[in-house]
Amino acid sequence: MLELNKSGTDRSDPGRLPAQDPGPDAAPDPRPAGASPSTGPDASAGRVPLRPYLIAGAILCALYFLYSYFQYARFGSPSWDLGIFEQEVRAYAGFDAPVVDIKGPGYLILGDHFSPIVALLAPLYWIWPSAESLLFAQAALFALGAVIVGRTTQQILGGRSGLCVTVAYGLSWGIQEAVKADFHEIAFAVPLLALVCRALLLKRYTAALLWSLPLVLAKEDLGATVAVVGFLLFVYGRRLQGALLAAFGVAAFVVTLVVLIPAASSAGRYDYWTKIDKNGEQDVSMLDSVLGVLNSSVKIEMLVFLIGITAFMALRSPLTLLIVPTLGWRLLSQDSNHWGMVWHYSAILMPVLFLALADGVRRSRGSHRPWLASYAKVAVPVAAAIAVAMTQHLPLRDLLRPETYRTDDARSQAARAALDAIPAGSRVETDITLMAHLTSDRTVYWVGGAPGTAPDIVAINLDFGWSRPIQDPVAYAEQLHPEARYRLKHRGGSFVVMERTTPEPDRIPGVRGD
């Protein structure tokens, strides 16, 4: 992936482009007249060794996967997303349409989020047909981002800054929380955005354009981010490329949300508009959404920590504009899950912010303001220290706890016994606890989300956190599916498995052409 960024055919003419002007803070060039301009950190790009960053990336990949694997092995998935994405990848691996029954029988997932780039995981799934393969892929993609970010930083700043930024990025809260949240499609966007920012910083503008194009296949909202890349190219002097890329980004954003997703959705619309214009059942005007972008301390905390992890140096770089589209929809959303520092939503911001840190330090080193020039000298190690200090409150801290590696506790043993009671190839309705462990070789529905299907098995964790305790599991299964009758097949710990005793219906929603 790095080869495109090695191209030397896209270098700008000598001199600075308008958006790269050092501004009033910059000191005069100390080089004597006639000195070669190729003696700075930028010129050493080809001489920065790759091996240390590959080693650092391998270590980070191992840490990410280790955390994900043991969370999975302890039946600790925090949401249904891992099961959803495995169903999608399993469909692609079988050359089928990406139907995700967890979202509803026969549900075409491209009508929910537009992320066809996930199909690239199909070859890995052929080799390793398990949710664990997705967790490994995400760990590798996040670690690849660290390699790109760290090595680019050293090319720009020199010294040991690259390894410091590799640590700061690798331990950043945005990446760690995304690892905890299991697999998501944004894993592909992380290294792509790192490559886009790398190309912009190294003045390889055609590479920046080309690396940004696949982003529109990673998530429907990233077309807006591509448009901002086009804007930066425009102000950097590549006006035609920038204008065309910005137009492409806007067009991709609009077409995806207005045409492609509604065409694939059974509801004929993009459902997530309601995250902005509805708060529960109450309508919210766009003006109220805009006025309320900072109406929560959770939002303000997130913004402070986003910039704070770069020792606030990212504010000195125009690259920071690339985080605006993602932050925009999150702050406009009425869903509090989008506001804070948890889940996976901030992962795609991390490569942008840490390369903006490198750019900000470069811009500040020659400042006429002595305090800023002095601070630029220590900003990188400060950012690394912040990341290390914050880790004591973040997911990877769990790797230092012995209980993290224990998968033989009573709960895990009971869960595995329940899995053994569910035949391969069966249609299963279940909750989050067992879901991602079933999707590789069963048809899986979300509990309560598959009316009329009369699944072969209903398997539930009584301790899942139901709004009302389930006193009679068999009666609960028959309440969900009055068209069928069930009997208790297995019970161990908090896990209950019930099997259907009546014949399978002739017509099953989402199956056999229904």
Protein backbone atom coordinates (compact mmCIF):
# COMPACT_ATOMS: atom_id res chain seq x y z
CA MET A 1 0.00 0.00 0.00
CA LEU A 2 2.96 2.30 0.56
CA GLU A 3 4.27 2.07 -2.99
CA LEU A 4 1.93 4.72 -4.37
CA ASN A 5 3.22 7.19 -1.81
CA LYS A 6 6.79 6.55 -2.93
CA SER A 7 6.16 8.00 -6.35
CA GLY A 8 8.35 10.98 -7.07
CA THR A 9 6.40 12.12 -10.11
CA ASP A 10 4.00 14.35 -8.22
CA ARG A 11 6.33 16.74 -6.48
CA SER A 12 5.46 20.39 -6.62
CA ASP A 13 7.76 23.02 -8.06
CA PRO A 14 10.31 24.64 -5.74
CA GLY A 15 8.75 27.10 -3.38
CA ARG A 16 5.78 26.87 -1.08
CA LEU A 17 2.17 26.53 -2.08
CA PRO A 18 -0.27 29.08 -0.67
CA ALA A 19 -1.72 26.78 2.00
CA GLN A 20 1.74 25.67 3.07
CA ASP A 21 3.13 29.14 3.62
CA PRO A 22 4.83 29.22 7.02
CA GLY A 23 2.94 32.38 7.95
CA PRO A 24 4.05 35.19 10.24
CA ASP A 25 5.40 32.80 12.89
CA ALA A 26 8.08 31.35 10.65
CA ALA A 27 11.70 32.27 11.07
CA PRO A 28 13.91 33.05 8.07
CA ASP A 29 15.57 30.09 6.35
CA PRO A 30 18.93 29.72 8.12
CA ARG A 31 20.60 27.93 5.20
CA PRO A 32 23.25 29.84 3.29
CA ALA A 33 22.43 31.03 -0.18
CA GLY A 34 22.77 28.28 -2.73
CA ALA A 35 22.39 25.49 -0.19
CA SER A 36 20.44 22.52 -1.40
CA PRO A 37 16.81 22.54 -0.25
CA SER A 38 16.96 18.77 0.08
CA THR A 39 18.73 18.62 3.43
CA GLY A 40 15.68 18.72 5.72
CA PRO A 41 13.57 15.91 7.11
CA ASP A 42 11.36 15.80 4.02
CA ALA A 43 14.34 14.87 1.90
CA SER A 44 15.19 11.92 4.12
CA ALA A 45 11.88 10.25 3.33
CA GLY A 46 13.49 7.47 1.37
CA ARG A 47 16.12 6.85 4.05
CA VAL A 48 13.81 6.24 7.00
CA PRO A 49 14.07 2.55 7.91
CA LEU A 50 10.87 0.56 7.68
CA ARG A 51 11.83 -2.33 9.97
CA PRO A 52 11.35 -0.56 13.35
CA TYR A 53 7.86 0.47 12.33
CA LEU A 54 6.95 -2.99 11.10
CA ILE A 55 8.09 -4.39 14.46
CA ALA A 56 6.08 -1.75 16.32
CA GLY A 57 3.09 -2.48 14.07
CA ALA A 58 3.38 -6.22 14.73
CA ILE A 59 3.44 -5.60 18.49
CA LEU A 60 0.37 -3.35 18.30
CA CYS A 61 -1.45 -5.87 16.08
CA ALA A 62 -0.73 -8.58 18.66
CA LEU A 63 -2.00 -6.41 21.52
CA TYR A 64 -5.19 -5.46 19.67
CA PHE A 65 -5.94 -9.03 18.62
CA LEU A 66 -5.08 -10.44 22.04
CA TYR A 67 -7.61 -8.11 23.66
CA SER A 68 -10.27 -8.84 21.03
CA TYR A 69 -9.71 -12.58 21.10
CA PHE A 70 -10.05 -12.95 24.87
CA GLN A 71 -13.08 -10.66 24.96
CA TYR A 72 -14.64 -12.93 22.33
CA ALA A 73 -13.52 -16.11 24.11
CA ARG A 74 -15.11 -14.90 27.36
CA PHE A 75 -18.40 -14.21 25.52
CA GLY A 76 -18.00 -10.51 26.21
CA SER A 77 -19.00 -8.94 22.88
CA PRO A 78 -20.44 -5.50 23.69
CA SER A 79 -22.95 -5.40 20.82
CA TRP A 80 -24.46 -7.35 17.95
CA ASP A 81 -22.11 -5.76 15.39
CA LEU A 82 -19.55 -8.57 15.26
CA GLY A 83 -22.29 -11.06 14.40
CA ILE A 84 -23.70 -8.66 11.80
CA PHE A 85 -20.37 -8.22 10.05
CA GLU A 86 -19.62 -11.93 10.11
CA GLN A 87 -22.95 -12.64 8.43
CA GLU A 88 -22.08 -10.03 5.80
CA VAL A 89 -18.58 -11.38 5.15
CA ARG A 90 -19.85 -14.96 5.14
CA ALA A 91 -22.32 -13.98 2.42
CA TYR A 92 -19.61 -12.34 0.32
CA ALA A 93 -17.37 -15.38 0.84
CA GLY A 94 -20.15 -17.55 -0.58
CA PHE A 95 -20.68 -15.16 -3.52
CA ASP A 96 -24.14 -14.30 -2.19
CA ALA A 97 -25.88 -10.99 -1.66
CA PRO A 98 -24.90 -9.50 1.75
CA VAL A 99 -28.03 -10.54 3.62
CA VAL A 100 -27.80 -10.07 7.40
CA ASP A 101 -30.64 -11.89 9.12
CA ILE A 102 -29.67 -10.43 12.51
CA LYS A 103 -31.03 -7.10 11.30
CA GLY A 104 -34.19 -8.86 10.10
CA PRO A 105 -34.98 -11.94 7.99
CA GLY A 106 -33.61 -11.37 4.49
CA TYR A 107 -32.24 -7.92 5.38
CA LEU A 108 -29.82 -6.54 2.75
CA ILE A 109 -27.13 -4.81 4.79
CA LEU A 110 -26.24 -2.31 2.05
CA GLY A 111 -29.60 -0.73 2.81
CA ASP A 112 -28.36 0.04 6.31
CA HIS A 113 -24.74 1.17 5.92
CA PHE A 114 -22.99 1.32 2.55
CA SER A 115 -19.70 -0.51 3.14
CA PRO A 116 -19.02 -2.84 0.19
CA ILE A 117 -15.29 -2.64 0.97
CA VAL A 118 -15.97 -5.31 3.62
CA ALA A 119 -16.11 -7.83 0.76
CA LEU A 120 -12.29 -7.67 0.70
CA LEU A 121 -12.32 -9.90 3.78
CA ALA A 122 -13.87 -12.81 1.87
CA PRO A 123 -10.53 -14.49 1.00
CA LEU A 124 -9.46 -14.38 4.65
CA TYR A 125 -12.84 -15.86 5.61
CA TRP A 126 -12.33 -18.74 3.17
CA ILE A 127 -9.23 -19.66 5.17
CA TRP A 128 -10.56 -18.81 8.63
CA PRO A 129 -14.39 -18.94 8.70
CA SER A 130 -14.91 -17.39 12.11
CA ALA A 131 -15.61 -14.04 13.72
CA GLU A 132 -12.02 -14.19 14.98
CA SER A 133 -10.80 -13.60 11.42
CA LEU A 134 -12.59 -10.23 11.39
CA LEU A 135 -11.04 -9.31 14.73
CA PHE A 136 -7.59 -10.16 13.38
CA ALA A 137 -8.19 -8.17 10.20
CA GLN A 138 -9.18 -5.11 12.21
CA ALA A 139 -6.13 -5.45 14.46
CA ALA A 140 -3.89 -5.62 11.38
CA LEU A 141 -5.54 -2.62 9.72
CA PHE A 142 -5.25 -0.49 12.86
CA ALA A 143 -1.60 -1.52 13.22
CA LEU A 144 -0.96 -0.68 9.57
CA GLY A 145 -2.24 2.80 10.35
CA ALA A 146 0.37 3.04 13.11
CA VAL A 147 3.17 2.06 10.70
CA ILE A 148 2.11 4.73 8.20
CA VAL A 149 1.59 7.45 10.81
CA GLY A 150 4.84 6.76 12.67
CA ARG A 151 7.11 6.45 9.65
CA THR A 152 5.63 9.53 8.02
CA THR A 153 6.24 11.50 11.20
CA GLN A 154 9.89 10.52 11.23
CA GLN A 155 10.22 11.48 7.58
CA ILE A 156 8.86 14.91 8.42
CA LEU A 157 10.40 15.58 11.82
CA GLY A 158 13.40 13.26 12.05
CA GLY A 159 14.93 11.91 15.25
CA ARG A 160 12.90 9.54 17.38
CA SER A 161 9.66 11.41 16.79
CA GLY A 162 8.30 8.64 14.59
CA LEU A 163 8.41 5.94 17.23
CA CYS A 164 6.97 8.34 19.82
CA VAL A 165 4.02 9.09 17.57
CA THR A 166 3.62 5.38 16.79
CA VAL A 167 3.17 4.78 20.53
CA ALA A 168 0.86 7.77 20.92
CA TYR A 169 -1.33 6.68 18.00
CA GLY A 170 -1.23 3.00 18.91
CA LEU A 171 -2.38 3.64 22.47
CA SER A 172 -4.78 6.47 21.62
CA TRP A 173 -8.22 6.22 23.15
CA GLY A 174 -9.94 6.29 19.76
CA ILE A 175 -8.13 3.15 18.61
CA GLN A 176 -8.42 1.33 21.94
CA GLU A 177 -12.16 1.93 22.20
CA ALA A 178 -12.62 0.71 18.63
CA VAL A 179 -10.76 -2.49 19.51
CA LYS A 180 -13.07 -2.98 22.48
CA ALA A 181 -16.14 -2.42 20.26
CA ASP A 182 -15.26 -5.47 18.08
CA PHE A 183 -15.04 -5.29 14.28
CA HIS A 184 -16.47 -2.40 12.26
CA GLU A 185 -16.13 -1.34 8.65
CA ILE A 186 -14.20 1.81 9.61
CA ALA A 187 -11.15 -0.43 10.13
CA PHE A 188 -10.51 -0.03 6.39
CA ALA A 189 -10.82 3.75 6.52
CA VAL A 190 -8.10 4.09 9.19
CA PRO A 191 -5.07 3.15 7.05
CA LEU A 192 -6.62 4.80 3.98
CA LEU A 193 -6.89 8.12 5.81
CA ALA A 194 -3.34 7.69 7.08
CA LEU A 195 -2.17 7.25 3.48
CA VAL A 196 -4.16 10.28 2.34
CA CYS A 197 -2.63 12.49 5.04
CA ARG A 198 0.85 11.09 4.39
CA ALA A 199 0.57 11.96 0.72
CA LEU A 200 -0.65 15.48 1.50
CA LEU A 201 2.21 16.11 3.92
CA LEU A 202 4.81 14.77 1.47
CA LYS A 203 3.29 16.81 -1.39
CA ARG A 204 2.33 13.73 -3.38
CA TYR A 205 -1.01 15.08 -4.43
CA THR A 206 -2.00 12.53 -7.05
CA ALA A 207 -1.40 9.81 -4.46
CA ALA A 208 -3.61 11.72 -2.00
CA LEU A 209 -6.38 11.82 -4.60
CA LEU A 210 -6.10 8.12 -5.43
CA TRP A 211 -5.96 6.93 -1.80
CA SER A 212 -9.06 8.97 -0.96
CA LEU A 213 -11.27 7.39 -3.64
CA PRO A 214 -11.86 4.03 -1.87
CA LEU A 215 -13.09 5.84 1.24
CA VAL A 216 -16.54 6.18 -0.33
CA LEU A 217 -16.79 2.37 -0.24
CA ALA A 218 -15.93 2.16 3.46
CA LYS A 219 -18.84 4.16 4.93
CA GLU A 220 -21.57 6.28 3.42
CA ASP A 221 -20.59 9.49 5.24
CA LEU A 222 -16.94 9.45 4.11
CA GLY A 223 -17.80 11.04 0.78
CA ALA A 224 -17.92 14.31 2.72
CA THR A 225 -14.40 13.63 4.01
CA VAL A 226 -13.24 13.00 0.44
CA ALA A 227 -14.69 16.38 -0.49
CA VAL A 228 -12.53 18.01 2.19
CA VAL A 229 -9.46 16.26 0.74
CA GLY A 230 -10.40 17.87 -2.56
CA PHE A 231 -10.66 21.26 -0.86
CA LEU A 232 -7.16 20.86 0.59
CA LEU A 233 -5.77 19.90 -2.81
CA PHE A 234 -7.41 23.01 -4.23
CA VAL A 235 -5.82 25.36 -1.71
CA TYR A 236 -2.48 23.56 -2.06
CA GLY A 237 -2.47 24.65 -5.70
CA ARG A 238 -3.82 21.53 -7.42
CA ARG A 239 -6.99 23.34 -8.41
CA LEU A 240 -8.33 21.00 -11.09
CA GLN A 241 -7.59 17.84 -9.13
CA GLY A 242 -9.01 19.41 -5.99
CA ALA A 243 -12.19 20.65 -7.64
CA LEU A 244 -12.83 17.30 -9.33
CA LEU A 245 -12.20 15.34 -6.14
CA ALA A 246 -14.41 17.65 -4.08
CA ALA A 247 -17.20 17.27 -6.64
CA PHE A 248 -16.75 13.50 -6.63
CA GLY A 249 -16.90 13.39 -2.82
CA VAL A 250 -20.08 15.46 -2.67
CA ALA A 251 -21.68 13.43 -5.47
CA ALA A 252 -20.75 10.12 -3.82
CA PHE A 253 -22.14 11.32 -0.49
CA VAL A 254 -25.45 12.43 -2.01
CA VAL A 255 -25.91 9.47 -4.36
CA THR A 256 -25.11 6.95 -1.63
CA LEU A 257 -27.54 8.43 0.90
CA VAL A 258 -30.31 9.40 -1.51
CA VAL A 259 -30.14 6.65 -4.15
CA LEU A 260 -28.03 3.59 -3.31
CA ILE A 261 -29.01 2.97 0.30
CA PRO A 262 -32.74 3.61 -0.25
CA ALA A 263 -32.65 1.29 -3.27
CA ALA A 264 -31.23 -1.52 -1.12
CA SER A 265 -33.40 -0.78 1.92
CA SER A 266 -36.73 -2.50 2.37
CA ALA A 267 -38.01 0.76 3.87
CA GLY A 268 -36.87 2.73 0.80
CA ARG A 269 -34.98 5.36 2.82
CA TYR A 270 -31.82 6.03 4.80
CA ASP A 271 -32.89 5.23 8.34
CA TYR A 272 -30.17 7.19 10.12
CA TRP A 273 -31.62 10.58 9.21
CA THR A 274 -33.77 10.03 12.27
CA LYS A 275 -30.65 10.25 14.44
CA ILE A 276 -30.58 13.96 13.62
CA ASP A 277 -34.22 14.97 13.28
CA LYS A 278 -35.75 12.90 16.08
CA ASN A 279 -35.08 12.66 19.79
CA GLY A 280 -37.07 9.59 20.75
CA GLU A 281 -40.52 10.29 19.38
CA GLN A 282 -40.02 14.07 19.40
CA ASP A 283 -39.19 15.86 16.14
CA VAL A 284 -36.11 18.09 16.21
CA SER A 285 -35.58 20.85 13.65
CA MET A 286 -32.24 21.23 11.90
CA LEU A 287 -31.83 24.64 13.54
CA ASP A 288 -32.24 23.09 16.99
CA SER A 289 -29.76 20.35 16.07
CA VAL A 290 -27.21 22.97 14.97
CA LEU A 291 -27.74 25.10 18.06
CA GLY A 292 -27.35 22.03 20.23
CA VAL A 293 -24.00 20.79 18.90
CA LEU A 294 -22.29 21.71 22.18
CA ASN A 295 -25.23 21.28 24.54
CA SER A 296 -23.63 18.41 26.45
CA SER A 297 -20.55 18.16 28.64
CA VAL A 298 -19.94 14.76 27.01
CA LYS A 299 -19.50 16.43 23.62
CA ILE A 300 -17.16 19.06 25.03
CA GLU A 301 -15.10 16.43 26.83
CA MET A 302 -14.75 14.46 23.60
CA LEU A 303 -13.54 17.52 21.68
CA VAL A 304 -11.00 18.42 24.36
CA PHE A 305 -9.58 14.92 24.45
CA LEU A 306 -9.51 14.67 20.65
CA ILE A 307 -7.17 17.63 20.39
CA GLY A 308 -5.54 17.06 23.77
CA ILE A 309 -4.04 13.70 22.76
CA THR A 310 -1.93 15.58 20.21
CA ALA A 311 -0.72 18.01 22.90
CA PHE A 312 -2.98 20.49 21.03
CA MET A 313 -0.48 20.70 18.18
CA ALA A 314 -3.00 19.34 15.65
CA LEU A 315 -4.64 22.76 15.74
CA ARG A 316 -1.63 24.12 13.84
CA SER A 317 -2.32 21.97 10.77
CA PRO A 318 -4.96 22.31 8.04
CA LEU A 319 -5.20 18.49 8.03
CA THR A 320 -7.46 18.86 11.06
CA LEU A 321 -10.19 20.00 8.65
CA LEU A 322 -10.55 16.33 7.66
CA ILE A 323 -12.16 15.49 10.99
CA VAL A 324 -14.92 18.07 10.54
CA PRO A 325 -17.42 15.95 8.52
CA THR A 326 -17.31 13.04 10.98
CA LEU A 327 -17.50 15.35 13.99
CA GLY A 328 -20.29 17.27 12.30
CA TRP A 329 -22.77 14.41 12.03
CA ARG A 330 -21.83 13.10 15.47
CA LEU A 331 -22.46 16.43 17.18
CA LEU A 332 -25.71 16.91 15.26
CA SER A 333 -26.95 13.46 16.24
CA GLN A 334 -29.54 13.09 18.98
CA ASP A 335 -28.08 9.67 19.87
CA SER A 336 -25.79 10.04 22.89
CA ASN A 337 -23.77 7.00 21.76
CA HIS A 338 -22.28 9.23 19.04
CA TRP A 339 -21.05 11.95 21.38
CA GLY A 340 -18.55 10.47 23.75
CA MET A 341 -15.21 8.67 23.84
CA VAL A 342 -16.55 5.09 23.67
CA TRP A 343 -17.39 2.82 20.73
CA HIS A 344 -15.58 2.97 17.39
CA TYR A 345 -16.61 6.35 16.02
CA SER A 346 -13.35 8.18 16.79
CA ALA A 347 -10.96 5.61 15.30
CA ILE A 348 -10.95 7.22 11.85
CA LEU A 349 -9.98 10.55 13.43
CA MET A 350 -6.79 9.19 14.99
CA PRO A 351 -4.50 8.97 11.90
CA VAL A 352 -5.63 12.43 10.81
CA LEU A 353 -4.97 14.00 14.20
CA PHE A 354 -1.56 12.40 14.76
CA LEU A 355 -0.30 13.35 11.31
CA ALA A 356 -1.73 16.83 11.94
CA LEU A 357 0.39 16.79 15.11
CA ALA A 358 3.49 16.10 13.01
CA ASP A 359 2.56 18.87 10.60
CA GLY A 360 1.82 21.26 13.46
CA VAL A 361 5.22 20.61 15.04
CA ARG A 362 6.95 21.16 11.70
CA ARG A 363 5.14 24.46 11.22
CA SER A 364 5.93 25.62 14.76
CA ARG A 365 9.61 24.79 14.99
CA GLY A 366 10.67 28.00 13.25
CA SER A 367 8.13 30.24 14.96
CA HIS A 368 9.10 33.79 15.99
CA ARG A 369 7.19 33.12 19.19
CA PRO A 370 9.81 31.60 21.49
CA TRP A 371 7.28 29.74 23.64
CA LEU A 372 5.73 28.06 20.57
CA ALA A 373 9.09 27.05 19.08
CA SER A 374 10.16 25.65 22.47
CA TYR A 375 6.90 23.78 22.92
CA ALA A 376 7.20 22.28 19.44
CA LYS A 377 10.40 20.57 20.58
CA VAL A 378 8.61 18.64 23.32
CA ALA A 379 5.11 18.26 21.87
CA VAL A 380 5.73 14.77 20.43
CA PRO A 381 7.02 13.17 23.66
CA VAL A 382 4.24 14.97 25.55
CA ALA A 383 1.66 13.35 23.25
CA ALA A 384 3.26 9.94 23.80
CA ALA A 385 3.22 10.48 27.57
CA ILE A 386 -0.46 11.46 27.44
CA ALA A 387 -1.32 8.25 25.56
CA VAL A 388 0.60 6.07 27.99
CA ALA A 389 -0.93 7.81 31.01
CA MET A 390 -4.48 7.49 29.64
CA THR A 391 -4.05 3.78 28.97
CA GLN A 392 -4.49 3.01 32.66
CA HIS A 393 -8.18 3.92 32.13
CA LEU A 394 -8.55 2.32 28.68
CA PRO A 395 -9.24 -1.21 27.40
CA LEU A 396 -5.67 -2.42 26.82
CA ARG A 397 -5.04 -2.04 30.56
CA ASP A 398 -6.99 -5.29 30.90
CA LEU A 399 -4.09 -7.15 29.29
CA LEU A 400 -2.21 -6.67 32.56
CA ARG A 401 -4.94 -8.40 34.55
CA PRO A 402 -4.74 -12.20 34.97
CA GLU A 403 -8.51 -12.61 34.84
CA THR A 404 -8.47 -11.37 31.24
CA TYR A 405 -6.92 -14.67 30.14
CA ARG A 406 -9.28 -16.94 32.06
CA THR A 407 -11.79 -18.57 29.75
CA ASP A 408 -12.60 -21.51 32.02
CA ASP A 409 -14.85 -19.63 34.44
CA ALA A 410 -18.32 -21.00 35.13
CA ARG A 411 -20.08 -18.52 32.83
CA SER A 412 -17.84 -19.30 29.83
CA GLN A 413 -18.19 -23.03 30.38
CA ALA A 414 -21.97 -22.71 30.53
CA ALA A 415 -21.97 -20.65 27.32
CA ARG A 416 -19.88 -23.25 25.49
CA ALA A 417 -22.19 -26.02 26.68
CA ALA A 418 -25.13 -24.07 25.27
CA LEU A 419 -23.31 -23.74 21.94
CA ASP A 420 -22.76 -27.50 21.86
CA ALA A 421 -26.51 -28.01 22.23
CA ILE A 422 -27.23 -25.99 19.06
CA PRO A 423 -26.88 -28.07 15.86
CA ALA A 424 -24.78 -26.73 13.01
CA GLY A 425 -26.90 -25.47 10.12
CA SER A 426 -29.89 -24.65 12.31
CA ARG A 427 -31.81 -21.39 12.38
CA VAL A 428 -31.23 -19.77 15.78
CA GLU A 429 -32.77 -16.79 17.52
CA THR A 430 -30.52 -15.44 20.25
CA ASP A 431 -29.14 -12.43 22.10
CA ILE A 432 -25.72 -10.78 21.91
CA THR A 433 -23.94 -13.20 24.24
CA LEU A 434 -23.88 -16.21 21.92
CA MET A 435 -24.52 -14.45 18.62
CA ALA A 436 -21.02 -14.04 17.16
CA HIS A 437 -20.19 -17.63 18.13
CA LEU A 438 -23.05 -18.95 15.99
CA THR A 439 -22.89 -16.92 12.80
CA SER A 440 -20.19 -18.97 11.08
CA ASP A 441 -22.35 -22.06 10.49
CA ARG A 442 -25.92 -21.19 11.50
CA THR A 443 -28.61 -18.78 10.35
CA VAL A 444 -28.88 -16.34 13.25
CA TYR A 445 -31.68 -13.95 14.15
CA TRP A 446 -31.83 -11.26 16.80
CA VAL A 447 -34.14 -12.26 19.65
CA GLY A 448 -37.52 -10.68 19.04
CA GLY A 449 -36.49 -9.50 15.57
CA ALA A 450 -37.66 -12.44 13.46
CA PRO A 451 -41.45 -12.77 13.74
CA GLY A 452 -43.03 -15.57 11.74
CA THR A 453 -39.78 -17.47 11.21
CA ALA A 454 -40.33 -20.20 13.85
CA PRO A 455 -36.57 -20.78 14.24
CA ASP A 456 -35.30 -24.26 15.04
CA ILE A 457 -33.66 -22.99 18.24
CA VAL A 458 -34.25 -20.13 20.66
CA ALA A 459 -31.15 -19.68 22.85
CA ILE A 460 -30.99 -16.95 25.47
CA ASN A 461 -28.83 -15.76 28.33
CA LEU A 462 -31.17 -15.09 31.23
CA ASP A 463 -28.61 -12.64 32.66
CA PHE A 464 -28.41 -10.63 29.45
CA GLY A 465 -30.13 -7.63 31.04
CA TRP A 466 -33.75 -7.99 29.99
CA SER A 467 -36.15 -5.18 30.85
CA ARG A 468 -38.19 -7.80 32.72
CA PRO A 469 -36.77 -11.07 34.05
CA ILE A 470 -37.73 -14.14 32.03
CA GLN A 471 -39.38 -16.55 34.44
CA ASP A 472 -40.50 -19.20 31.93
CA PRO A 473 -38.11 -19.44 28.93
CA VAL A 474 -40.32 -21.87 26.99
CA ALA A 475 -43.35 -19.60 27.36
CA TYR A 476 -41.16 -16.69 26.27
CA ALA A 477 -40.08 -18.55 23.11
CA GLU A 478 -43.71 -19.36 22.27
CA GLN A 479 -44.67 -15.74 22.94
CA LEU A 480 -42.10 -14.71 20.33
CA HIS A 481 -43.34 -17.38 17.92
CA PRO A 482 -46.99 -18.28 18.51
CA GLU A 483 -46.89 -20.24 15.23
CA ALA A 484 -44.66 -22.88 16.85
CA ARG A 485 -44.19 -24.91 20.02
CA TYR A 486 -40.92 -25.32 21.90
CA ARG A 487 -39.44 -27.51 24.58
CA LEU A 488 -36.44 -27.08 26.86
CA LYS A 489 -33.41 -28.82 25.33
CA HIS A 490 -30.58 -27.58 27.53
CA ARG A 491 -30.11 -25.42 30.60
CA GLY A 492 -26.80 -24.60 32.24
CA GLY A 493 -26.00 -21.58 34.37
CA SER A 494 -27.86 -18.62 32.91
CA PHE A 495 -28.07 -20.13 29.42
CA VAL A 496 -31.21 -21.79 28.10
CA VAL A 497 -31.62 -23.58 24.75
CA MET A 498 -35.09 -24.44 23.45
CA GLU A 499 -35.89 -26.42 20.31
CA ARG A 500 -38.99 -26.32 18.14
CA THR A 501 -41.20 -29.39 18.39
CA THR A 502 -43.66 -28.52 15.62
CA PRO A 503 -42.93 -28.76 11.85
CA GLU A 504 -41.06 -25.98 10.12
CA PRO A 505 -43.41 -23.46 8.45
CA ASP A 506 -43.87 -23.74 4.69
CA ARG A 507 -43.08 -20.05 4.29
CA ILE A 508 -40.31 -18.42 6.29
CA PRO A 509 -39.79 -14.63 5.99
CA GLY A 510 -36.53 -13.85 4.23
CA VAL A 511 -36.11 -17.44 3.01
CA ARG A 512 -37.24 -19.31 -0.09
CA GLY A 513 -38.02 -16.19 -2.07
CA ASP A 514 -40.33 -14.61 0.53
